[in-house]
Amino acid sequence: MYPEEIVRPMKEELVNAGFEELMTEQDVDDIMKKEGTTLIVVNSICGCAAGTARPGVVTSLLLNKKPDNLTTVFAGVEKEATEKAREFMIPFPPSSPSIALFKDGQLVHMLERHHIEGKSAKMIAKNLAGAYDEFC
């Protein structure tokens, strides 16, 4: 577990962009029951989360289409919520950071860590924008 004072600014980057923090397993279950599209960002303390994942996700929201529900869990902090969210991401293995788009509770697009590392925030945003155009 990471100390709250260290991760707070990393969480706030998404919360300030309109993301809802999923803190419990029940929060995850509740959001996955909603109709429409849901984005879940598995946030992380790592450099690729700070350098490309979070900025890319935030940039992707400036485009025409975006998911109905914007949510996030923080790996290494909200352990149970993160594990529950990852159950919905099967068959993909656990990955931090990662970004998953769901439509009516079904996984339709996934970015794993290896899709994020070494990519620019602009590339992440463009990838997500394509998924939003198709599914949102």
N, C-alpha and C. Protein backbone atom coordinates (compact mmCIF):
# COMPACT_ATOMS: atom_id res chain seq x y z
N MET A 1 0.83 -1.18 0.00
CA MET A 1 0.00 0.00 0.00
C MET A 1 0.87 1.25 0.00
N TYR A 2 0.45 2.21 -0.78
CA TYR A 2 1.16 3.49 -0.82
C TYR A 2 0.49 4.47 0.14
N PRO A 3 1.26 5.33 0.77
CA PRO A 3 0.66 6.33 1.66
C PRO A 3 -0.25 7.28 0.88
N GLU A 4 -1.38 7.62 1.48
CA GLU A 4 -2.38 8.49 0.84
C GLU A 4 -1.79 9.82 0.40
N GLU A 5 -0.91 10.40 1.21
CA GLU A 5 -0.35 11.71 0.86
C GLU A 5 0.51 11.66 -0.40
N ILE A 6 1.04 10.50 -0.73
CA ILE A 6 1.84 10.36 -1.95
C ILE A 6 0.94 10.21 -3.17
N VAL A 7 -0.12 9.43 -3.05
CA VAL A 7 -0.97 9.15 -4.22
C VAL A 7 -2.05 10.20 -4.45
N ARG A 8 -2.36 11.01 -3.45
CA ARG A 8 -3.45 11.99 -3.59
C ARG A 8 -3.31 12.85 -4.86
N PRO A 9 -2.14 13.46 -5.15
CA PRO A 9 -2.06 14.27 -6.37
C PRO A 9 -2.28 13.45 -7.65
N MET A 10 -1.87 12.19 -7.62
CA MET A 10 -2.06 11.31 -8.78
C MET A 10 -3.53 10.96 -8.97
N LYS A 11 -4.24 10.79 -7.87
CA LYS A 11 -5.68 10.55 -7.93
C LYS A 11 -6.41 11.80 -8.40
N GLU A 12 -6.02 12.94 -7.85
CA GLU A 12 -6.70 14.20 -8.16
C GLU A 12 -6.59 14.58 -9.62
N GLU A 13 -5.53 14.15 -10.28
CA GLU A 13 -5.39 14.45 -11.71
C GLU A 13 -6.59 13.92 -12.49
N LEU A 14 -7.07 12.75 -12.13
CA LEU A 14 -8.25 12.19 -12.80
C LEU A 14 -9.55 12.71 -12.19
N VAL A 15 -9.60 12.79 -10.88
CA VAL A 15 -10.82 13.28 -10.22
C VAL A 15 -11.14 14.70 -10.69
N ASN A 16 -10.13 15.54 -10.82
CA ASN A 16 -10.35 16.91 -11.28
C ASN A 16 -10.81 16.97 -12.74
N ALA A 17 -10.59 15.90 -13.48
CA ALA A 17 -11.04 15.81 -14.87
C ALA A 17 -12.43 15.17 -14.97
N GLY A 18 -13.04 14.87 -13.82
CA GLY A 18 -14.40 14.34 -13.83
C GLY A 18 -14.54 12.86 -13.54
N PHE A 19 -13.46 12.21 -13.14
CA PHE A 19 -13.51 10.78 -12.84
C PHE A 19 -14.01 10.54 -11.42
N GLU A 20 -14.81 9.49 -11.27
CA GLU A 20 -15.29 9.05 -9.98
C GLU A 20 -14.35 7.97 -9.46
N GLU A 21 -13.89 8.11 -8.22
CA GLU A 21 -13.06 7.09 -7.61
C GLU A 21 -13.94 5.92 -7.16
N LEU A 22 -13.54 4.73 -7.54
CA LEU A 22 -14.21 3.51 -7.07
C LEU A 22 -13.37 2.99 -5.92
N MET A 23 -13.94 3.03 -4.72
CA MET A 23 -13.16 2.72 -3.52
C MET A 23 -13.41 1.32 -2.99
N THR A 24 -14.53 0.71 -3.39
CA THR A 24 -14.90 -0.60 -2.85
C THR A 24 -15.34 -1.53 -3.98
N GLU A 25 -15.42 -2.81 -3.64
CA GLU A 25 -15.95 -3.78 -4.60
C GLU A 25 -17.37 -3.41 -5.01
N GLN A 26 -18.17 -2.94 -4.04
CA GLN A 26 -19.55 -2.57 -4.33
C GLN A 26 -19.62 -1.40 -5.31
N ASP A 27 -18.70 -0.44 -5.17
CA ASP A 27 -18.65 0.68 -6.12
C ASP A 27 -18.44 0.16 -7.54
N VAL A 28 -17.55 -0.81 -7.69
CA VAL A 28 -17.26 -1.38 -9.01
C VAL A 28 -18.49 -2.12 -9.52
N ASP A 29 -19.08 -2.95 -8.70
CA ASP A 29 -20.29 -3.67 -9.11
C ASP A 29 -21.39 -2.70 -9.54
N ASP A 30 -21.58 -1.65 -8.78
CA ASP A 30 -22.64 -0.68 -9.08
C ASP A 30 -22.41 0.01 -10.42
N ILE A 31 -21.17 0.43 -10.69
CA ILE A 31 -20.89 1.13 -11.94
C ILE A 31 -21.03 0.19 -13.14
N MET A 32 -20.68 -1.07 -12.94
CA MET A 32 -20.75 -2.02 -14.05
C MET A 32 -22.19 -2.41 -14.39
N LYS A 33 -23.12 -2.11 -13.52
CA LYS A 33 -24.54 -2.39 -13.79
C LYS A 33 -25.20 -1.27 -14.58
N LYS A 34 -24.52 -0.14 -14.71
CA LYS A 34 -25.11 0.99 -15.42
C LYS A 34 -25.09 0.73 -16.93
N GLU A 35 -26.14 1.19 -17.58
CA GLU A 35 -26.19 1.11 -19.03
C GLU A 35 -25.30 2.19 -19.62
N GLY A 36 -24.88 1.97 -20.85
CA GLY A 36 -24.03 2.94 -21.53
C GLY A 36 -22.58 2.54 -21.44
N THR A 37 -21.73 3.52 -21.64
CA THR A 37 -20.29 3.25 -21.69
C THR A 37 -19.61 3.71 -20.41
N THR A 38 -18.67 2.91 -19.97
CA THR A 38 -17.92 3.18 -18.74
C THR A 38 -16.44 3.00 -19.01
N LEU A 39 -15.67 4.00 -18.65
CA LEU A 39 -14.22 3.92 -18.73
C LEU A 39 -13.69 3.70 -17.33
N ILE A 40 -12.86 2.68 -17.16
CA ILE A 40 -12.18 2.45 -15.89
C ILE A 40 -10.68 2.58 -16.13
N VAL A 41 -10.06 3.51 -15.42
CA VAL A 41 -8.62 3.68 -15.48
C VAL A 41 -8.04 3.06 -14.21
N VAL A 42 -7.17 2.07 -14.40
CA VAL A 42 -6.42 1.52 -13.27
C VAL A 42 -5.19 2.41 -13.14
N ASN A 43 -5.27 3.33 -12.21
CA ASN A 43 -4.23 4.32 -11.99
C ASN A 43 -3.05 3.66 -11.27
N SER A 44 -1.90 4.30 -11.38
CA SER A 44 -0.69 3.72 -10.82
C SER A 44 0.29 4.82 -10.45
N ILE A 45 1.24 4.46 -9.60
CA ILE A 45 2.26 5.40 -9.16
C ILE A 45 3.44 5.47 -10.15
N CYS A 46 3.45 4.60 -11.13
CA CYS A 46 4.60 4.49 -12.04
C CYS A 46 4.72 5.68 -12.99
N GLY A 47 5.87 5.78 -13.59
CA GLY A 47 6.16 6.89 -14.50
C GLY A 47 5.30 6.91 -15.75
N CYS A 48 4.96 5.74 -16.29
CA CYS A 48 4.14 5.75 -17.51
C CYS A 48 2.71 6.18 -17.21
N ALA A 49 2.25 6.00 -16.00
CA ALA A 49 0.92 6.52 -15.62
C ALA A 49 0.98 8.04 -15.58
N ALA A 50 2.04 8.57 -15.00
CA ALA A 50 2.17 10.03 -14.88
C ALA A 50 2.48 10.68 -16.22
N GLY A 51 3.34 10.06 -17.00
CA GLY A 51 3.81 10.68 -18.23
C GLY A 51 2.88 10.55 -19.42
N THR A 52 2.16 9.43 -19.50
CA THR A 52 1.33 9.24 -20.69
C THR A 52 -0.10 8.79 -20.41
N ALA A 53 -0.30 7.88 -19.45
CA ALA A 53 -1.65 7.33 -19.25
C ALA A 53 -2.64 8.40 -18.78
N ARG A 54 -2.34 9.03 -17.65
CA ARG A 54 -3.29 10.04 -17.15
C ARG A 54 -3.43 11.22 -18.10
N PRO A 55 -2.33 11.80 -18.61
CA PRO A 55 -2.50 12.90 -19.55
C PRO A 55 -3.23 12.47 -20.84
N GLY A 56 -2.97 11.26 -21.30
CA GLY A 56 -3.64 10.78 -22.50
C GLY A 56 -5.13 10.60 -22.30
N VAL A 57 -5.50 10.04 -21.15
CA VAL A 57 -6.93 9.85 -20.84
C VAL A 57 -7.62 11.20 -20.74
N VAL A 58 -7.03 12.14 -20.03
CA VAL A 58 -7.64 13.46 -19.87
C VAL A 58 -7.79 14.15 -21.23
N THR A 59 -6.76 14.07 -22.06
CA THR A 59 -6.83 14.66 -23.40
C THR A 59 -7.92 14.02 -24.24
N SER A 60 -8.11 12.72 -24.09
CA SER A 60 -9.12 12.02 -24.89
C SER A 60 -10.52 12.54 -24.62
N LEU A 61 -10.73 13.13 -23.46
CA LEU A 61 -12.06 13.62 -23.09
C LEU A 61 -12.39 14.96 -23.73
N LEU A 62 -11.41 15.59 -24.36
CA LEU A 62 -11.62 16.87 -25.01
C LEU A 62 -12.21 16.72 -26.40
N LEU A 63 -12.33 15.50 -26.86
CA LEU A 63 -12.81 15.24 -28.20
C LEU A 63 -14.33 15.14 -28.22
N ASN A 64 -14.90 14.89 -29.39
CA ASN A 64 -16.36 14.92 -29.56
C ASN A 64 -17.10 13.92 -28.70
N LYS A 65 -16.72 12.68 -28.76
CA LYS A 65 -17.42 11.64 -28.01
C LYS A 65 -16.61 11.26 -26.78
N LYS A 66 -17.34 10.86 -25.74
CA LYS A 66 -16.65 10.36 -24.55
C LYS A 66 -17.59 9.41 -23.82
N PRO A 67 -17.04 8.57 -22.95
CA PRO A 67 -17.87 7.61 -22.21
C PRO A 67 -18.87 8.30 -21.28
N ASP A 68 -19.96 7.59 -21.00
CA ASP A 68 -20.98 8.09 -20.09
C ASP A 68 -20.47 8.17 -18.66
N ASN A 69 -19.68 7.19 -18.26
CA ASN A 69 -19.19 7.08 -16.89
C ASN A 69 -17.66 7.05 -16.90
N LEU A 70 -17.06 7.95 -16.16
CA LEU A 70 -15.60 8.02 -16.04
C LEU A 70 -15.23 7.60 -14.63
N THR A 71 -14.46 6.52 -14.52
CA THR A 71 -14.13 5.99 -13.20
C THR A 71 -12.67 5.60 -13.11
N THR A 72 -12.21 5.45 -11.88
CA THR A 72 -10.82 5.06 -11.67
C THR A 72 -10.67 4.29 -10.36
N VAL A 73 -9.74 3.37 -10.37
CA VAL A 73 -9.27 2.68 -9.17
C VAL A 73 -7.76 2.89 -9.13
N PHE A 74 -7.17 2.81 -7.94
CA PHE A 74 -5.74 3.01 -7.83
C PHE A 74 -5.09 1.72 -7.35
N ALA A 75 -4.28 1.12 -8.22
CA ALA A 75 -3.57 -0.11 -7.88
C ALA A 75 -2.62 0.16 -6.72
N GLY A 76 -2.61 -0.77 -5.76
CA GLY A 76 -1.75 -0.62 -4.61
C GLY A 76 -2.35 0.23 -3.51
N VAL A 77 -3.56 0.75 -3.73
CA VAL A 77 -4.23 1.56 -2.71
C VAL A 77 -5.62 0.97 -2.44
N GLU A 78 -6.49 1.01 -3.43
CA GLU A 78 -7.83 0.42 -3.28
C GLU A 78 -7.76 -1.02 -3.79
N LYS A 79 -7.14 -1.86 -2.99
CA LYS A 79 -6.83 -3.23 -3.41
C LYS A 79 -8.07 -4.01 -3.84
N GLU A 80 -9.10 -4.04 -3.00
CA GLU A 80 -10.29 -4.83 -3.32
C GLU A 80 -11.02 -4.27 -4.53
N ALA A 81 -11.15 -2.96 -4.63
CA ALA A 81 -11.82 -2.34 -5.78
C ALA A 81 -11.03 -2.63 -7.06
N THR A 82 -9.72 -2.55 -6.98
CA THR A 82 -8.89 -2.83 -8.16
C THR A 82 -9.03 -4.28 -8.58
N GLU A 83 -8.99 -5.20 -7.64
CA GLU A 83 -9.16 -6.62 -7.98
C GLU A 83 -10.52 -6.88 -8.61
N LYS A 84 -11.56 -6.23 -8.08
CA LYS A 84 -12.91 -6.41 -8.62
C LYS A 84 -12.98 -5.85 -10.04
N ALA A 85 -12.42 -4.68 -10.26
CA ALA A 85 -12.41 -4.09 -11.61
C ALA A 85 -11.69 -5.01 -12.58
N ARG A 86 -10.58 -5.60 -12.14
CA ARG A 86 -9.81 -6.48 -13.02
C ARG A 86 -10.57 -7.75 -13.38
N GLU A 87 -11.51 -8.17 -12.53
CA GLU A 87 -12.34 -9.32 -12.87
C GLU A 87 -13.14 -9.05 -14.14
N PHE A 88 -13.57 -7.82 -14.33
CA PHE A 88 -14.32 -7.45 -15.52
C PHE A 88 -13.43 -7.31 -16.75
N MET A 89 -12.11 -7.27 -16.54
CA MET A 89 -11.15 -7.09 -17.63
C MET A 89 -10.59 -8.41 -18.15
N ILE A 90 -11.02 -9.52 -17.57
CA ILE A 90 -10.59 -10.84 -18.05
C ILE A 90 -11.03 -10.98 -19.49
N PRO A 91 -10.20 -11.44 -20.40
CA PRO A 91 -9.06 -12.32 -20.24
C PRO A 91 -7.71 -11.62 -20.12
N PHE A 92 -7.71 -10.30 -20.01
CA PHE A 92 -6.44 -9.58 -19.91
C PHE A 92 -5.86 -9.74 -18.51
N PRO A 93 -4.55 -9.96 -18.42
CA PRO A 93 -3.93 -10.10 -17.11
C PRO A 93 -3.87 -8.75 -16.39
N PRO A 94 -3.72 -8.77 -15.06
CA PRO A 94 -3.61 -7.51 -14.31
C PRO A 94 -2.48 -6.65 -14.85
N SER A 95 -2.74 -5.38 -14.98
CA SER A 95 -1.79 -4.46 -15.56
C SER A 95 -2.01 -3.08 -14.94
N SER A 96 -0.92 -2.44 -14.54
CA SER A 96 -1.02 -1.09 -14.00
C SER A 96 0.05 -0.22 -14.65
N PRO A 97 -0.34 0.86 -15.25
CA PRO A 97 -1.71 1.31 -15.46
C PRO A 97 -2.38 0.52 -16.57
N SER A 98 -3.67 0.65 -16.64
CA SER A 98 -4.43 0.11 -17.76
C SER A 98 -5.71 0.92 -17.89
N ILE A 99 -6.33 0.82 -19.06
CA ILE A 99 -7.52 1.60 -19.35
C ILE A 99 -8.49 0.68 -20.06
N ALA A 100 -9.69 0.56 -19.52
CA ALA A 100 -10.69 -0.35 -20.09
C ALA A 100 -11.98 0.40 -20.37
N LEU A 101 -12.54 0.15 -21.55
CA LEU A 101 -13.82 0.73 -21.93
C LEU A 101 -14.85 -0.39 -22.00
N PHE A 102 -15.97 -0.15 -21.34
CA PHE A 102 -17.07 -1.12 -21.29
C PHE A 102 -18.30 -0.50 -21.91
N LYS A 103 -19.10 -1.33 -22.55
CA LYS A 103 -20.40 -0.90 -23.05
C LYS A 103 -21.43 -1.85 -22.46
N ASP A 104 -22.37 -1.29 -21.71
CA ASP A 104 -23.39 -2.09 -21.03
C ASP A 104 -22.77 -3.25 -20.26
N GLY A 105 -21.66 -2.96 -19.58
CA GLY A 105 -21.00 -3.94 -18.72
C GLY A 105 -20.08 -4.92 -19.42
N GLN A 106 -19.95 -4.80 -20.74
CA GLN A 106 -19.10 -5.71 -21.51
C GLN A 106 -17.83 -4.99 -21.97
N LEU A 107 -16.70 -5.63 -21.77
CA LEU A 107 -15.42 -5.06 -22.18
C LEU A 107 -15.37 -4.95 -23.70
N VAL A 108 -15.11 -3.74 -24.21
CA VAL A 108 -15.05 -3.54 -25.66
C VAL A 108 -13.70 -3.00 -26.13
N HIS A 109 -12.89 -2.46 -25.22
CA HIS A 109 -11.58 -1.92 -25.62
C HIS A 109 -10.67 -1.93 -24.40
N MET A 110 -9.41 -2.30 -24.62
CA MET A 110 -8.48 -2.42 -23.49
C MET A 110 -7.10 -1.92 -23.90
N LEU A 111 -6.52 -1.10 -23.04
CA LEU A 111 -5.13 -0.70 -23.16
C LEU A 111 -4.40 -1.23 -21.94
N GLU A 112 -3.47 -2.14 -22.18
CA GLU A 112 -2.65 -2.67 -21.10
C GLU A 112 -1.39 -1.82 -20.97
N ARG A 113 -0.64 -2.08 -19.91
CA ARG A 113 0.59 -1.32 -19.68
C ARG A 113 1.51 -1.33 -20.90
N HIS A 114 1.63 -2.48 -21.56
CA HIS A 114 2.54 -2.54 -22.72
C HIS A 114 2.03 -1.71 -23.90
N HIS A 115 0.74 -1.34 -23.90
CA HIS A 115 0.22 -0.42 -24.92
C HIS A 115 0.47 1.04 -24.53
N ILE A 116 0.83 1.26 -23.27
CA ILE A 116 1.00 2.61 -22.73
C ILE A 116 2.48 2.99 -22.66
N GLU A 117 3.31 2.07 -22.17
CA GLU A 117 4.74 2.35 -22.03
C GLU A 117 5.34 2.72 -23.38
N GLY A 118 6.12 3.78 -23.38
CA GLY A 118 6.81 4.20 -24.59
C GLY A 118 5.95 4.94 -25.60
N LYS A 119 4.68 5.13 -25.28
CA LYS A 119 3.78 5.87 -26.16
C LYS A 119 3.61 7.27 -25.60
N SER A 120 3.25 8.20 -26.46
CA SER A 120 3.00 9.56 -26.01
C SER A 120 1.56 9.69 -25.51
N ALA A 121 1.32 10.73 -24.74
CA ALA A 121 -0.05 11.00 -24.28
C ALA A 121 -0.97 11.21 -25.49
N LYS A 122 -0.45 11.84 -26.52
CA LYS A 122 -1.23 12.08 -27.74
C LYS A 122 -1.63 10.75 -28.39
N MET A 123 -0.73 9.79 -28.41
CA MET A 123 -1.04 8.47 -28.98
C MET A 123 -2.10 7.75 -28.16
N ILE A 124 -2.02 7.86 -26.84
CA ILE A 124 -3.02 7.25 -25.97
C ILE A 124 -4.38 7.89 -26.23
N ALA A 125 -4.41 9.22 -26.30
CA ALA A 125 -5.66 9.95 -26.55
C ALA A 125 -6.26 9.54 -27.90
N LYS A 126 -5.42 9.42 -28.91
CA LYS A 126 -5.91 9.04 -30.25
C LYS A 126 -6.48 7.63 -30.23
N ASN A 127 -5.82 6.72 -29.56
CA ASN A 127 -6.31 5.35 -29.44
C ASN A 127 -7.68 5.33 -28.78
N LEU A 128 -7.79 6.04 -27.66
CA LEU A 128 -9.07 6.09 -26.94
C LEU A 128 -10.15 6.79 -27.75
N ALA A 129 -9.79 7.84 -28.45
CA ALA A 129 -10.77 8.55 -29.29
C ALA A 129 -11.37 7.62 -30.34
N GLY A 130 -10.54 6.75 -30.91
CA GLY A 130 -11.05 5.77 -31.87
C GLY A 130 -12.06 4.83 -31.23
N ALA A 131 -11.77 4.41 -30.01
CA ALA A 131 -12.69 3.52 -29.28
C ALA A 131 -13.98 4.27 -28.94
N TYR A 132 -13.87 5.53 -28.54
CA TYR A 132 -15.06 6.33 -28.22
C TYR A 132 -15.93 6.48 -29.47
N ASP A 133 -15.29 6.74 -30.61
CA ASP A 133 -16.05 6.90 -31.85
C ASP A 133 -16.83 5.63 -32.20
N GLU A 134 -16.22 4.50 -31.91
CA GLU A 134 -16.86 3.22 -32.24
C GLU A 134 -17.94 2.82 -31.25
N PHE A 135 -17.71 3.06 -29.96
CA PHE A 135 -18.59 2.49 -28.93
C PHE A 135 -19.45 3.48 -28.15
N CYS A 136 -19.09 4.76 -28.18
CA CYS A 136 -19.85 5.73 -27.36
C CYS A 136 -20.92 6.45 -28.18
